[in-house]
């Protein structure tokens, strides 16, 4: 079944008109016709199932026959990802969306090579948000993650956002297995964490000074094994492990 994105709140009626972009894709590319089954996702937990009732070059209208409201995951995981070189961030955003990250924060760190100027950063941000949007349609994730404007490492620390658990994938000494960190939280608090932040460094990892600053702010270093992973592999691995441990 083909999936389309609609703005939050618009899938509540009996009929929904797709946006010009989604209508073009449905009519011109997929060649959908009246009666074809479709699913609408609003990115805020609502999944509406129905069928095309009108399809022409002006717009595609969908009749809704079933509406499902999905609760968010029990643990909201934020990925704080140092910007990698090239187009790797596109892939990281895609995979993070498929895994169920709730937020993605691109970071500018000491070893970050890609440092887009203001105009380029706006273009990159739009591309990443489009990538996330396409990913939710592909995988059926009813929750669209929030992709934020790139921030410096120092600015994120100054923001001092609170999480139940904050973790950093690290090659430096003093790391622990992620399972042990989650088990420790469970033993202390008597519950699983409701919010987790995972920090993933760029090519070359975080500097020792950055790791020290993270640890001082309460972030716990975790190991992903003895092998050196590419930053995109590290992001996927860290997110998958964190979401698995959070779900129990």
Foldseek 3Di string as FASTA:
>chain_A
DFEDEDAPPQLPDQKHWGDLVRLCCVCVPVNFDFPAKYWYANQQFKIFIFTWHDHDNVITMTGTDDIDGGDADQAAEEEEEEDEPDPLVLVLLLLCLLLRHQEYEYEHAPPRPDDDDPVVQVVVQVSSQVSQNVSCRVNVPNHRHHYDRHDYLVVVVVVLDDFLAEEEADPDPDAAAPLVVQVVSCVVPVAGTRYYYYYFYYVVTHDPVSVVSCVVSPYGYHYPDNDDDHRSVVSSSVSNVSSVSRVD
